[in-house]
């Protein structure tokens, strides 16, 4: 909590208490039984965590990007998978709040902020992951509606959520032909693929989202035609900070688990904590965690201030934090020896849940491309 205001320390304490009491005791069960913990998330929404950086007039908390990062890091110590879904939900509500008109904001945001309803972000397709601008899902204008055809892949919450923020092609090829539509579950022509079996992130369902002559009112379009790719990328700048913050929480929890294990476990007649090599590794883990945290918080401030370098700082923070935090969790597992590989020990779940953070919200290879392009355009 170094460098935080008293108010931010209070947000952090509330989120940590919630993570400790409401999430951590159930983390393993949610993972094993693949439970989407709807009621727990609604409890979190009562604390203002359903629309953290959404404006208060539609039920949001109106907090800053730094406040949001602090909250997601704290929640992630209790269950990284569930917190990561909540971060995606928050991103979707922010997109509707920011780019929607008054009617759209008042229609969708209050029930999403309370988590009476849940949202999913639909950008990735079977044939377009990192190359998002080549997406093929089409939306053909027909009177005062759009007719959607195509499919989205790897959609967090898909099938269990109520609102889908969908990027689709209304114009020619490339990013300028993409628009953003908001769909509601139950729309004719909207269906879902099978629930994917994943290595981690098992407390949130992942499915393909399929559109077959799916008719959506034109009034559900966010922004102007052709603005969708810009909306998607602006959402992802915040999404990258959010997912990096979830990585920080997993790494923080893993450092504490390693610290406890080294103190309790004895080998060769003395606690592992007496082994200088392990002491040095623990010190390195804590140092890398603090460095990653500082990068994420710096990027969050830049995004909040609307600085010109915000997008590249968000990419740097996402790249650095997700890589470093996975290495920290993996090292914590190694320190547990064979016990670390047992599902009775939480450290293995943090490793499994955090691994995908290096892939989603833009792969870390794409983050390197963004940073390099920024430097070379200099």
Protein backbone atom coordinates (compact mmCIF):
# COMPACT_ATOMS: atom_id res chain seq x y z
CA UNK A 1 0.00 0.00 0.00
CA UNK A 2 3.05 2.27 -0.18
CA UNK A 3 2.29 5.55 -1.94
CA UNK A 4 -1.49 5.11 -1.77
CA UNK A 5 -3.92 7.65 -0.33
CA UNK A 6 -5.91 6.81 2.78
CA UNK A 7 -8.99 6.32 0.61
CA UNK A 8 -7.12 3.89 -1.67
CA UNK A 9 -5.85 1.96 1.34
CA UNK A 10 -9.45 1.62 2.45
CA UNK A 11 -10.52 0.28 -0.98
CA UNK A 12 -7.62 -2.16 -0.77
CA UNK A 13 -8.60 -3.33 2.71
CA UNK A 14 -12.24 -3.87 1.75
CA UNK A 15 -11.20 -5.88 -1.34
CA UNK A 16 -8.63 -7.92 0.59
CA UNK A 17 -11.18 -8.72 3.31
CA UNK A 18 -13.68 -9.81 0.66
CA UNK A 19 -11.04 -11.95 -1.08
CA UNK A 20 -10.04 -13.60 2.20
CA UNK A 21 -13.55 -14.30 3.50
CA UNK A 22 -15.72 -14.75 0.39
CA UNK A 23 -13.35 -16.03 -2.32
CA UNK A 24 -10.26 -17.84 -1.02
CA UNK A 25 -12.22 -20.50 0.96
CA UNK A 26 -14.08 -21.49 -2.25
CA UNK A 27 -11.33 -21.01 -4.85
CA UNK A 28 -10.41 -24.71 -5.14
CA UNK A 29 -14.05 -25.87 -5.28
CA UNK A 30 -14.95 -23.32 -7.98
CA UNK A 31 -11.97 -24.56 -9.98
CA UNK A 32 -12.61 -28.29 -9.53
CA UNK A 33 -16.38 -28.16 -10.11
CA UNK A 34 -16.19 -25.36 -12.71
CA UNK A 35 -18.65 -23.19 -10.78
CA UNK A 36 -19.40 -19.67 -12.04
CA UNK A 37 -19.84 -17.95 -8.63
CA UNK A 38 -22.65 -15.59 -9.54
CA UNK A 39 -23.86 -14.90 -6.00
CA UNK A 40 -20.36 -14.15 -4.72
CA UNK A 41 -19.83 -11.68 -7.55
CA UNK A 42 -23.16 -10.02 -6.74
CA UNK A 43 -21.91 -9.59 -3.17
CA UNK A 44 -18.80 -7.95 -4.61
CA UNK A 45 -21.06 -5.67 -6.68
CA UNK A 46 -22.71 -4.51 -3.44
CA UNK A 47 -19.29 -3.14 -2.50
CA UNK A 48 -19.16 -1.24 -5.80
CA UNK A 49 -17.01 -3.74 -7.71
CA UNK A 50 -19.45 -4.33 -10.61
CA UNK A 51 -18.77 -1.01 -12.33
CA UNK A 52 -15.64 0.31 -10.62
CA UNK A 53 -14.68 2.94 -13.22
CA UNK A 54 -18.21 3.58 -14.51
CA UNK A 55 -19.94 6.90 -13.83
CA UNK A 56 -22.11 7.04 -10.67
CA UNK A 57 -25.25 8.31 -12.45
CA UNK A 58 -25.82 4.80 -13.90
CA UNK A 59 -24.78 2.88 -10.79
CA UNK A 60 -21.00 2.87 -11.16
CA UNK A 61 -18.45 3.69 -8.46
CA UNK A 62 -16.74 6.44 -10.47
CA UNK A 63 -13.26 5.44 -9.31
CA UNK A 64 -9.95 5.95 -11.11
CA UNK A 65 -7.93 3.40 -13.10
CA UNK A 66 -5.40 3.25 -10.25
CA UNK A 67 -8.18 2.59 -7.72
CA UNK A 68 -9.41 -0.17 -10.05
CA UNK A 69 -5.95 -1.75 -10.30
CA UNK A 70 -5.60 -1.78 -6.52
CA UNK A 71 -9.01 -3.45 -6.11
CA UNK A 72 -8.41 -6.14 -8.76
CA UNK A 73 -4.98 -6.97 -7.34
CA UNK A 74 -6.50 -7.42 -3.89
CA UNK A 75 -9.46 -9.51 -5.11
CA UNK A 76 -7.16 -11.71 -7.19
CA UNK A 77 -5.38 -12.95 -4.04
CA UNK A 78 -8.66 -14.74 -3.24
CA UNK A 79 -9.44 -16.18 -6.69
CA UNK A 80 -7.61 -15.03 -9.80
CA UNK A 81 -10.00 -16.69 -12.26
CA UNK A 82 -13.13 -15.06 -10.82
CA UNK A 83 -11.46 -11.66 -10.50
CA UNK A 84 -10.25 -11.86 -14.11
CA UNK A 85 -13.83 -12.40 -15.29
CA UNK A 86 -14.96 -9.44 -13.14
CA UNK A 87 -12.29 -7.32 -14.84
CA UNK A 88 -13.69 -8.23 -18.28
CA UNK A 89 -17.23 -7.47 -17.09
CA UNK A 90 -16.07 -4.07 -15.81
CA UNK A 91 -14.41 -3.33 -19.15
CA UNK A 92 -17.67 -4.08 -21.00
CA UNK A 93 -19.74 -1.83 -18.73
CA UNK A 94 -17.18 0.96 -19.14
CA UNK A 95 -17.42 0.67 -22.93
CA UNK A 96 -21.21 1.05 -22.83
CA UNK A 97 -20.95 3.90 -20.30
CA UNK A 98 -18.28 5.74 -22.32
CA UNK A 99 -19.40 5.21 -25.92
CA UNK A 100 -23.11 4.63 -25.49
CA UNK A 101 -25.79 7.34 -25.70
CA UNK A 102 -27.93 8.23 -22.70
CA UNK A 103 -30.62 5.71 -23.59
CA UNK A 104 -28.08 2.88 -23.93
CA UNK A 105 -26.28 3.85 -20.72
CA UNK A 106 -29.50 3.85 -18.71
CA UNK A 107 -30.77 0.66 -20.32
CA UNK A 108 -27.69 -1.50 -19.77
CA UNK A 109 -25.39 -0.05 -17.10
CA UNK A 110 -27.44 -0.15 -13.86
CA UNK A 111 -28.18 -3.90 -14.02
CA UNK A 112 -24.56 -4.62 -15.04
CA UNK A 113 -23.09 -2.48 -12.25
CA UNK A 114 -25.22 -4.37 -9.71
CA UNK A 115 -24.25 -7.63 -11.45
CA UNK A 116 -27.90 -8.53 -11.67
CA UNK A 117 -26.73 -9.12 -15.24
CA UNK A 118 -23.28 -10.07 -16.54
CA UNK A 119 -21.41 -9.03 -19.68
CA UNK A 120 -19.01 -10.64 -22.18
CA UNK A 121 -16.56 -9.06 -24.61
CA UNK A 122 -16.65 -10.52 -28.12
CA UNK A 123 -13.67 -9.65 -30.31
CA UNK A 124 -11.63 -12.82 -30.98
CA UNK A 125 -12.73 -15.16 -33.79
CA UNK A 126 -11.58 -18.65 -34.83
CA UNK A 127 -9.56 -17.07 -37.66
CA UNK A 128 -8.57 -13.75 -36.07
CA UNK A 129 -6.87 -13.63 -32.69
CA UNK A 130 -3.91 -11.26 -32.59
CA UNK A 131 -4.93 -9.91 -36.01
CA UNK A 132 -8.21 -8.58 -34.66
CA UNK A 133 -8.67 -6.07 -37.50
CA UNK A 134 -9.23 -8.98 -39.92
CA UNK A 135 -12.38 -10.19 -38.13
CA UNK A 136 -15.11 -11.58 -40.40
CA UNK A 137 -18.33 -11.53 -38.35
CA UNK A 138 -20.63 -9.40 -40.52
CA UNK A 139 -23.46 -7.05 -39.61
CA UNK A 140 -25.60 -6.11 -42.61
CA UNK A 141 -27.88 -3.11 -42.21
CA UNK A 142 -31.53 -3.89 -42.89
CA UNK A 143 -33.89 -1.03 -42.12
CA UNK A 144 -33.55 -0.14 -38.45
CA UNK A 145 -31.75 -3.42 -37.63
CA UNK A 146 -28.49 -5.23 -38.29
CA UNK A 147 -28.37 -8.89 -39.34
CA UNK A 148 -25.33 -10.61 -37.78
CA UNK A 149 -23.59 -13.70 -39.13
CA UNK A 150 -20.34 -15.26 -37.92
CA UNK A 151 -18.82 -16.53 -34.70
CA UNK A 152 -16.57 -15.49 -31.83
CA UNK A 153 -14.12 -17.77 -29.99
CA UNK A 154 -12.82 -18.04 -26.41
CA UNK A 155 -15.53 -15.78 -24.97
CA UNK A 156 -15.31 -15.50 -21.18
CA UNK A 157 -18.75 -16.02 -19.64
CA UNK A 158 -20.16 -17.05 -23.03
CA UNK A 159 -23.55 -18.75 -22.65
CA UNK A 160 -23.91 -17.82 -18.96
CA UNK A 161 -23.84 -14.05 -19.36
CA UNK A 162 -26.65 -11.71 -20.39
CA UNK A 163 -25.06 -8.94 -22.48
CA UNK A 164 -22.55 -9.33 -25.35
CA UNK A 165 -20.42 -6.42 -26.60
CA UNK A 166 -19.68 -7.56 -30.15
CA UNK A 167 -17.19 -6.24 -32.70
CA UNK A 168 -18.47 -6.90 -36.23
CA UNK A 169 -17.85 -5.81 -39.81
CA UNK A 170 -20.33 -3.28 -41.19
CA UNK A 171 -18.01 -1.90 -43.88
CA UNK A 172 -14.96 -2.83 -45.94
CA UNK A 173 -11.82 -4.68 -44.85
CA UNK A 174 -9.52 -3.39 -42.14
CA UNK A 175 -10.15 -1.62 -38.83
CA UNK A 176 -12.31 1.19 -40.28
CA UNK A 177 -14.97 -1.29 -41.40
CA UNK A 178 -15.66 -2.50 -37.84
CA UNK A 179 -18.58 -1.41 -35.63
CA UNK A 180 -19.68 -2.32 -32.10
CA UNK A 181 -23.10 -3.79 -31.26
CA UNK A 182 -24.59 -4.75 -27.90
CA UNK A 183 -26.62 -7.98 -27.94
CA UNK A 184 -28.82 -9.44 -25.25
CA UNK A 185 -29.08 -13.13 -24.46
CA UNK A 186 -32.20 -14.61 -25.97
CA UNK A 187 -31.86 -12.68 -29.22
CA UNK A 188 -33.06 -15.03 -32.02
CA UNK A 189 -30.11 -16.42 -33.95
CA UNK A 190 -27.70 -16.12 -31.00
CA UNK A 191 -26.30 -19.47 -29.82
CA UNK A 192 -23.27 -20.89 -28.07
CA UNK A 193 -20.69 -23.63 -28.57
CA UNK A 194 -19.71 -26.29 -26.05
CA UNK A 195 -18.13 -25.27 -22.77
CA UNK A 196 -14.36 -25.39 -23.28
CA UNK A 197 -12.16 -27.52 -21.02
CA UNK A 198 -9.34 -25.28 -19.86
CA UNK A 199 -6.07 -25.58 -17.93
CA UNK A 200 -7.13 -22.77 -15.58
CA UNK A 201 -9.75 -20.01 -15.35
CA UNK A 202 -12.26 -22.75 -14.51
CA UNK A 203 -14.54 -20.58 -12.35
CA UNK A 204 -15.67 -18.81 -15.54
CA UNK A 205 -17.19 -20.61 -18.54
CA UNK A 206 -15.65 -20.13 -21.98
CA UNK A 207 -17.63 -20.83 -25.15
CA UNK A 208 -17.87 -19.86 -28.79
CA UNK A 209 -20.60 -17.29 -29.47
CA UNK A 210 -22.42 -17.93 -32.76
CA UNK A 211 -24.59 -15.57 -34.85
CA UNK A 212 -26.91 -17.01 -37.49
CA UNK A 213 -29.10 -14.32 -39.09
CA UNK A 214 -29.15 -12.70 -35.68
CA UNK A 215 -31.30 -9.53 -35.80
CA UNK A 216 -30.12 -6.66 -33.58
CA UNK A 217 -31.75 -3.20 -33.33
CA UNK A 218 -29.62 -0.46 -34.88
CA UNK A 219 -30.21 1.41 -31.62
CA UNK A 220 -27.88 -1.10 -29.95
CA UNK A 221 -24.85 0.17 -31.87
CA UNK A 222 -22.25 1.90 -29.69
CA UNK A 223 -20.85 4.99 -31.38
CA UNK A 224 -20.84 5.52 -35.13
CA UNK A 225 -20.41 2.91 -37.84
CA UNK A 226 -16.71 2.22 -38.29
CA UNK A 227 -15.83 3.27 -34.72
CA UNK A 228 -15.86 -0.28 -33.33
CA UNK A 229 -12.16 -1.05 -33.62
CA UNK A 230 -11.24 2.18 -31.84
CA UNK A 231 -13.75 1.35 -29.08
CA UNK A 232 -12.32 -2.18 -28.78
CA UNK A 233 -8.73 -0.94 -28.49
CA UNK A 234 -9.60 1.75 -25.94
CA UNK A 235 -11.37 -0.88 -23.89
CA UNK A 236 -8.33 -3.14 -24.11
CA UNK A 237 -5.95 -0.48 -22.81
CA UNK A 238 -7.86 -0.65 -19.53
CA UNK A 239 -8.30 -4.42 -19.88
CA UNK A 240 -4.52 -4.83 -20.04
CA UNK A 241 -4.08 -2.90 -16.80
CA UNK A 242 -6.86 -4.95 -15.21
CA UNK A 243 -5.44 -8.34 -16.21
CA UNK A 244 -1.93 -7.25 -15.18
CA UNK A 245 -3.42 -6.30 -11.79
CA UNK A 246 -4.95 -9.78 -11.47
CA UNK A 247 -1.47 -11.20 -12.14
CA UNK A 248 -0.06 -9.05 -9.34
CA UNK A 249 -2.60 -10.49 -6.90
CA UNK A 250 -1.76 -14.08 -7.86
CA UNK A 251 1.96 -13.39 -7.49
CA UNK A 252 1.45 -11.64 -4.15
CA UNK A 253 -0.50 -14.61 -2.81
CA UNK A 254 2.12 -17.03 -4.16
CA UNK A 255 4.98 -15.15 -2.46
CA UNK A 256 3.11 -15.43 0.86
CA UNK A 257 2.50 -19.16 0.30
CA UNK A 258 6.20 -19.70 -0.49
CA UNK A 259 7.23 -17.68 2.54
CA UNK A 260 5.03 -19.83 4.79
CA UNK A 261 6.21 -23.10 3.22
CA UNK A 262 9.89 -22.21 3.60
CA UNK A 263 9.30 -21.44 7.28
CA UNK A 264 7.33 -24.63 8.06
CA UNK A 265 8.98 -27.27 5.84
CA UNK A 266 12.16 -28.95 7.11
CA UNK A 267 14.81 -30.72 5.04
CA UNK A 268 18.26 -31.89 6.11
CA UNK A 269 17.37 -31.17 9.72
CA UNK A 270 16.45 -27.48 9.38
CA UNK A 271 13.77 -25.23 7.89
CA UNK A 272 14.03 -24.52 4.17
CA UNK A 273 14.09 -20.84 5.15
CA UNK A 274 17.66 -21.34 6.37
CA UNK A 275 18.82 -22.26 2.85
CA UNK A 276 20.59 -19.24 1.38
CA UNK A 277 19.69 -20.12 -2.23
CA UNK A 278 15.97 -20.23 -1.39
CA UNK A 279 16.22 -17.02 0.63
CA UNK A 280 17.78 -15.28 -2.37
CA UNK A 281 15.08 -16.60 -4.71
CA UNK A 282 12.36 -15.38 -2.34
CA UNK A 283 14.01 -11.96 -2.25
CA UNK A 284 14.10 -11.89 -6.07
CA UNK A 285 10.42 -12.85 -6.26
CA UNK A 286 9.41 -10.04 -3.90
CA UNK A 287 11.58 -7.53 -5.78
CA UNK A 288 10.13 -8.47 -9.17
CA UNK A 289 6.61 -8.27 -7.75
CA UNK A 290 7.17 -4.73 -6.47
CA UNK A 291 8.75 -3.68 -9.80
CA UNK A 292 5.77 -5.08 -11.73
CA UNK A 293 3.33 -3.37 -9.38
CA UNK A 294 5.02 -0.01 -9.88
CA UNK A 295 4.84 -0.41 -13.68
CA UNK A 296 1.15 -1.29 -13.59
CA UNK A 297 0.27 1.61 -11.29
CA UNK A 298 2.29 4.05 -13.42
CA UNK A 299 0.39 2.91 -16.54
CA UNK A 300 -2.94 3.16 -14.69
CA UNK A 301 -2.18 6.79 -13.81
CA UNK A 302 -1.21 7.56 -17.42
CA UNK A 303 -4.47 6.06 -18.69
CA UNK A 304 -6.52 7.97 -16.13
CA UNK A 305 -4.81 11.24 -17.13
CA UNK A 306 -5.34 10.54 -20.85
CA UNK A 307 -1.63 10.90 -21.56
CA UNK A 308 -0.32 10.41 -25.08
CA UNK A 309 1.96 7.56 -23.98
CA UNK A 310 -0.82 5.72 -22.09
CA UNK A 311 -1.40 2.96 -24.68
CA UNK A 312 2.27 2.01 -24.90
CA UNK A 313 2.69 2.14 -21.10
CA UNK A 314 -0.34 -0.15 -20.73
CA UNK A 315 1.27 -2.58 -23.21
CA UNK A 316 4.61 -2.44 -21.36
CA UNK A 317 2.92 -3.01 -18.01
CA UNK A 318 0.85 -5.92 -19.32
CA UNK A 319 3.92 -7.53 -20.91
CA UNK A 320 6.18 -7.09 -17.90
CA UNK A 321 3.69 -7.86 -15.14
CA UNK A 322 2.15 -10.99 -16.69
CA UNK A 323 5.56 -12.44 -17.59
CA UNK A 324 7.15 -11.65 -14.24
CA UNK A 325 4.16 -12.68 -12.14
CA UNK A 326 3.87 -16.04 -13.91
CA UNK A 327 7.59 -16.62 -13.20
CA UNK A 328 6.99 -15.72 -9.53
CA UNK A 329 4.06 -18.13 -9.18
CA UNK A 330 5.99 -20.87 -10.97
CA UNK A 331 9.00 -20.35 -8.67
CA UNK A 332 6.68 -20.51 -5.64
CA UNK A 333 5.40 -23.86 -6.90
CA UNK A 334 8.99 -25.09 -7.31
CA UNK A 335 9.77 -24.09 -3.74
CA UNK A 336 6.92 -26.31 -2.57
CA UNK A 337 8.59 -29.31 -4.20
CA UNK A 338 6.23 -32.22 -4.86
CA UNK A 339 3.57 -30.64 -2.66
CA UNK A 340 3.29 -27.75 -5.08
CA UNK A 341 2.02 -30.14 -7.75
CA UNK A 342 -0.88 -31.35 -5.58
CA UNK A 343 -4.28 -29.74 -5.92
CA UNK A 344 -4.52 -29.58 -2.13
CA UNK A 345 -2.01 -26.72 -2.33
CA UNK A 346 -3.29 -23.40 -3.70
CA UNK A 347 -0.04 -22.44 -5.41
CA UNK A 348 -0.67 -24.74 -8.39
CA UNK A 349 -4.01 -23.06 -9.06
CA UNK A 350 -2.41 -19.64 -9.17
CA UNK A 351 0.08 -21.02 -11.72
CA UNK A 352 -2.72 -22.47 -13.87
CA UNK A 353 -4.97 -19.42 -13.61
CA UNK A 354 -2.27 -16.86 -14.33
CA UNK A 355 -0.71 -18.58 -17.36
CA UNK A 356 -3.38 -17.40 -19.79
CA UNK A 357 -2.75 -13.75 -18.85
CA UNK A 358 0.29 -13.83 -21.16
CA UNK A 359 -2.07 -14.72 -24.04
CA UNK A 360 -5.31 -12.76 -23.67
CA UNK A 361 -6.06 -9.02 -23.89
CA UNK A 362 -3.41 -9.05 -26.63
CA UNK A 363 -0.64 -11.67 -26.51
CA UNK A 364 2.66 -10.59 -25.02
CA UNK A 365 4.16 -10.92 -28.50
CA UNK A 366 1.68 -8.28 -29.68
CA UNK A 367 2.61 -6.12 -26.66
CA UNK A 368 6.23 -6.24 -27.88
CA UNK A 369 5.07 -5.21 -31.37
CA UNK A 370 3.17 -2.21 -29.96
CA UNK A 371 6.14 -1.06 -27.86
CA UNK A 372 8.63 -1.54 -30.71
CA UNK A 373 6.40 0.31 -33.19
CA UNK A 374 6.11 3.21 -30.76
CA UNK A 375 9.89 3.38 -30.32
CA UNK A 376 10.69 3.17 -34.02
CA UNK A 377 8.09 5.73 -35.04
CA UNK A 378 9.63 7.95 -32.33
